[in-house]
Amino acid sequence: MLMSARSYQAVIDRLEGEWAVLLVEGEGVRLNVPRQLLPAEWREGDWLRLTLTREENTTQEHHTRVRELMEDLQPREGDFEV
């Protein structure tokens, strides 16, 4: 399966309480990220590479599970309705 990914550069613009505010270079996008997700040594002004990758297998597993749960909710012959 072909896996696509997109990468961006971002800078930690500032740290505000429990949040790190990242500015994505060239995109005009600001991301608020919980500081607990970042290594403790990262500071304001540090540049990062953000890579987004779609998890195809996990996506398919969840879609299959939801479909199965939806099928379980469908009335079957012999079920009575109120």
N, C-alpha and C. Protein backbone atom coordinates (compact mmCIF):
# COMPACT_ATOMS: atom_id res chain seq x y z
N MET A 1 0.83 -1.17 0.00
CA MET A 1 0.00 0.00 0.00
C MET A 1 0.88 1.25 0.00
N LEU A 2 0.55 2.21 -0.86
CA LEU A 2 1.30 3.45 -0.93
C LEU A 2 0.93 4.32 0.26
N MET A 3 1.94 4.75 1.00
CA MET A 3 1.70 5.59 2.16
C MET A 3 2.15 7.00 1.83
N SER A 4 1.28 7.96 2.00
CA SER A 4 1.63 9.34 1.74
C SER A 4 1.86 10.05 3.07
N ALA A 5 2.73 11.03 3.03
CA ALA A 5 3.04 11.81 4.22
C ALA A 5 3.31 13.24 3.79
N ARG A 6 3.08 14.15 4.70
CA ARG A 6 3.40 15.55 4.47
C ARG A 6 4.24 16.02 5.65
N SER A 7 5.27 16.78 5.34
CA SER A 7 6.15 17.32 6.38
C SER A 7 6.15 18.84 6.33
N TYR A 8 6.27 19.42 7.50
CA TYR A 8 6.29 20.87 7.64
C TYR A 8 7.36 21.25 8.66
N GLN A 9 7.86 22.48 8.55
CA GLN A 9 8.71 23.02 9.59
C GLN A 9 7.87 23.96 10.43
N ALA A 10 8.12 23.95 11.72
CA ALA A 10 7.39 24.83 12.64
C ALA A 10 8.35 25.29 13.72
N VAL A 11 8.04 26.43 14.29
CA VAL A 11 8.83 26.97 15.39
C VAL A 11 7.96 27.03 16.63
N ILE A 12 8.57 26.78 17.78
CA ILE A 12 7.86 26.98 19.04
C ILE A 12 7.87 28.49 19.29
N ASP A 13 6.74 29.12 19.02
CA ASP A 13 6.63 30.57 19.15
C ASP A 13 6.64 31.00 20.61
N ARG A 14 5.87 30.28 21.41
CA ARG A 14 5.82 30.62 22.84
C ARG A 14 5.24 29.44 23.63
N LEU A 15 5.51 29.48 24.92
CA LEU A 15 4.97 28.50 25.85
C LEU A 15 4.01 29.26 26.77
N GLU A 16 2.76 28.82 26.79
CA GLU A 16 1.72 29.49 27.59
C GLU A 16 1.10 28.46 28.53
N GLY A 17 1.53 28.46 29.77
CA GLY A 17 0.98 27.50 30.73
C GLY A 17 1.22 26.09 30.27
N GLU A 18 0.14 25.36 30.06
CA GLU A 18 0.22 23.95 29.65
C GLU A 18 0.31 23.78 28.13
N TRP A 19 0.41 24.88 27.39
CA TRP A 19 0.38 24.82 25.93
C TRP A 19 1.66 25.34 25.31
N ALA A 20 2.04 24.73 24.20
CA ALA A 20 3.10 25.24 23.34
C ALA A 20 2.42 25.74 22.07
N VAL A 21 2.72 26.95 21.66
CA VAL A 21 2.14 27.52 20.46
C VAL A 21 3.16 27.39 19.34
N LEU A 22 2.82 26.61 18.32
CA LEU A 22 3.71 26.39 17.18
C LEU A 22 3.21 27.19 15.99
N LEU A 23 4.14 27.79 15.26
CA LEU A 23 3.81 28.47 14.01
C LEU A 23 4.40 27.64 12.87
N VAL A 24 3.54 27.23 11.94
CA VAL A 24 3.96 26.40 10.82
C VAL A 24 4.47 27.32 9.72
N GLU A 25 5.73 27.13 9.34
CA GLU A 25 6.38 28.00 8.37
C GLU A 25 5.66 27.99 7.02
N GLY A 26 5.39 29.18 6.50
CA GLY A 26 4.84 29.33 5.17
C GLY A 26 3.39 28.96 5.01
N GLU A 27 2.73 28.54 6.08
CA GLU A 27 1.35 28.08 5.98
C GLU A 27 0.35 29.02 6.66
N GLY A 28 0.84 29.95 7.45
CA GLY A 28 -0.06 30.83 8.18
C GLY A 28 -0.91 30.09 9.18
N VAL A 29 -0.36 29.01 9.73
CA VAL A 29 -1.12 28.15 10.65
C VAL A 29 -0.46 28.18 12.02
N ARG A 30 -1.30 28.29 13.04
CA ARG A 30 -0.84 28.22 14.43
C ARG A 30 -1.43 26.95 15.04
N LEU A 31 -0.59 26.17 15.71
CA LEU A 31 -1.05 24.97 16.40
C LEU A 31 -0.82 25.12 17.89
N ASN A 32 -1.84 24.82 18.67
CA ASN A 32 -1.70 24.77 20.13
C ASN A 32 -1.54 23.31 20.51
N VAL A 33 -0.40 22.98 21.09
CA VAL A 33 -0.06 21.59 21.41
C VAL A 33 0.14 21.48 22.92
N PRO A 34 -0.47 20.49 23.56
CA PRO A 34 -0.21 20.30 24.99
C PRO A 34 1.29 20.10 25.23
N ARG A 35 1.84 20.85 26.16
CA ARG A 35 3.28 20.76 26.45
C ARG A 35 3.70 19.36 26.84
N GLN A 36 2.80 18.59 27.44
CA GLN A 36 3.14 17.23 27.88
C GLN A 36 3.51 16.34 26.70
N LEU A 37 3.12 16.72 25.48
CA LEU A 37 3.47 15.92 24.30
C LEU A 37 4.88 16.22 23.79
N LEU A 38 5.48 17.29 24.26
CA LEU A 38 6.82 17.70 23.80
C LEU A 38 7.87 17.31 24.83
N PRO A 39 9.08 17.01 24.37
CA PRO A 39 10.17 16.76 25.32
C PRO A 39 10.40 17.99 26.21
N ALA A 40 10.72 17.76 27.47
CA ALA A 40 10.85 18.83 28.45
C ALA A 40 11.93 19.85 28.08
N GLU A 41 12.95 19.41 27.33
CA GLU A 41 14.05 20.32 27.01
C GLU A 41 13.77 21.25 25.83
N TRP A 42 12.68 21.07 25.13
CA TRP A 42 12.34 21.94 24.00
C TRP A 42 11.91 23.31 24.53
N ARG A 43 12.37 24.36 23.84
CA ARG A 43 12.15 25.74 24.30
C ARG A 43 11.60 26.62 23.19
N GLU A 44 11.15 27.81 23.57
CA GLU A 44 10.73 28.82 22.61
C GLU A 44 11.87 29.08 21.64
N GLY A 45 11.54 29.19 20.36
CA GLY A 45 12.55 29.44 19.34
C GLY A 45 13.10 28.17 18.71
N ASP A 46 12.83 27.00 19.28
CA ASP A 46 13.29 25.74 18.69
C ASP A 46 12.46 25.44 17.43
N TRP A 47 13.16 24.98 16.38
CA TRP A 47 12.49 24.59 15.14
C TRP A 47 12.26 23.09 15.13
N LEU A 48 11.10 22.70 14.58
CA LEU A 48 10.69 21.31 14.58
C LEU A 48 10.30 20.89 13.16
N ARG A 49 10.34 19.60 12.91
CA ARG A 49 9.77 19.05 11.70
C ARG A 49 8.54 18.27 12.11
N LEU A 50 7.40 18.63 11.53
CA LEU A 50 6.14 17.93 11.78
C LEU A 50 5.85 17.06 10.57
N THR A 51 5.62 15.79 10.80
CA THR A 51 5.29 14.88 9.71
C THR A 51 3.95 14.23 10.01
N LEU A 52 3.03 14.34 9.05
CA LEU A 52 1.71 13.74 9.18
C LEU A 52 1.62 12.56 8.24
N THR A 53 1.30 11.41 8.79
CA THR A 53 1.20 10.18 8.01
C THR A 53 -0.13 9.51 8.35
N ARG A 54 -0.85 9.09 7.33
CA ARG A 54 -2.11 8.37 7.55
C ARG A 54 -1.80 6.93 7.89
N GLU A 55 -2.39 6.44 8.97
CA GLU A 55 -2.22 5.07 9.41
C GLU A 55 -3.29 4.21 8.74
N GLU A 56 -2.98 3.69 7.55
CA GLU A 56 -3.96 2.96 6.74
C GLU A 56 -4.51 1.73 7.46
N ASN A 57 -3.64 0.91 8.04
CA ASN A 57 -4.10 -0.32 8.70
C ASN A 57 -5.01 -0.02 9.89
N THR A 58 -4.61 0.93 10.70
CA THR A 58 -5.41 1.29 11.87
C THR A 58 -6.75 1.86 11.44
N THR A 59 -6.75 2.70 10.41
CA THR A 59 -7.99 3.27 9.88
C THR A 59 -8.92 2.15 9.43
N GLN A 60 -8.40 1.21 8.68
CA GLN A 60 -9.24 0.11 8.17
C GLN A 60 -9.78 -0.75 9.31
N GLU A 61 -8.95 -1.02 10.30
CA GLU A 61 -9.40 -1.82 11.45
C GLU A 61 -10.56 -1.14 12.16
N HIS A 62 -10.46 0.17 12.36
CA HIS A 62 -11.52 0.90 13.06
C HIS A 62 -12.79 0.96 12.21
N HIS A 63 -12.64 1.17 10.91
CA HIS A 63 -13.83 1.19 10.04
C HIS A 63 -14.54 -0.16 10.09
N THR A 64 -13.76 -1.25 10.05
CA THR A 64 -14.34 -2.59 10.11
C THR A 64 -15.07 -2.79 11.43
N ARG A 65 -14.47 -2.38 12.52
CA ARG A 65 -15.08 -2.55 13.84
C ARG A 65 -16.38 -1.76 13.96
N VAL A 66 -16.38 -0.52 13.46
CA VAL A 66 -17.60 0.29 13.51
C VAL A 66 -18.70 -0.35 12.67
N ARG A 67 -18.35 -0.85 11.50
CA ARG A 67 -19.33 -1.51 10.63
C ARG A 67 -19.93 -2.72 11.35
N GLU A 68 -19.08 -3.51 12.03
CA GLU A 68 -19.57 -4.67 12.77
C GLU A 68 -20.51 -4.26 13.89
N LEU A 69 -20.16 -3.20 14.60
CA LEU A 69 -21.03 -2.72 15.69
C LEU A 69 -22.36 -2.22 15.16
N MET A 70 -22.32 -1.53 14.02
CA MET A 70 -23.57 -1.05 13.41
C MET A 70 -24.44 -2.22 12.98
N GLU A 71 -23.84 -3.26 12.44
CA GLU A 71 -24.60 -4.44 12.04
C GLU A 71 -25.23 -5.10 13.25
N ASP A 72 -24.52 -5.12 14.39
CA ASP A 72 -25.07 -5.71 15.61
C ASP A 72 -26.29 -4.94 16.11
N LEU A 73 -26.41 -3.68 15.76
CA LEU A 73 -27.54 -2.86 16.21
C LEU A 73 -28.78 -3.02 15.32
N GLN A 74 -28.61 -3.61 14.16
CA GLN A 74 -29.74 -3.80 13.24
C GLN A 74 -30.66 -4.89 13.78
N PRO A 75 -31.97 -4.66 13.69
CA PRO A 75 -32.92 -5.70 14.14
C PRO A 75 -32.80 -6.95 13.27
N ARG A 76 -32.95 -8.10 13.88
CA ARG A 76 -32.88 -9.37 13.17
C ARG A 76 -34.25 -10.02 13.17
N GLU A 77 -34.44 -10.94 12.25
CA GLU A 77 -35.71 -11.67 12.20
C GLU A 77 -35.92 -12.36 13.55
N GLY A 78 -37.10 -12.21 14.07
CA GLY A 78 -37.42 -12.82 15.35
C GLY A 78 -37.32 -11.82 16.50
N ASP A 79 -36.60 -10.70 16.28
CA ASP A 79 -36.54 -9.66 17.31
C ASP A 79 -37.89 -8.96 17.36
N PHE A 80 -38.37 -8.62 18.54
CA PHE A 80 -39.62 -7.91 18.56
C PHE A 80 -39.33 -6.44 18.87
N GLU A 81 -40.17 -5.59 18.35
CA GLU A 81 -40.00 -4.15 18.53
C GLU A 81 -41.02 -3.64 19.53
N VAL A 82 -40.65 -2.64 20.26
CA VAL A 82 -41.54 -2.03 21.25
C VAL A 82 -42.26 -0.88 20.64
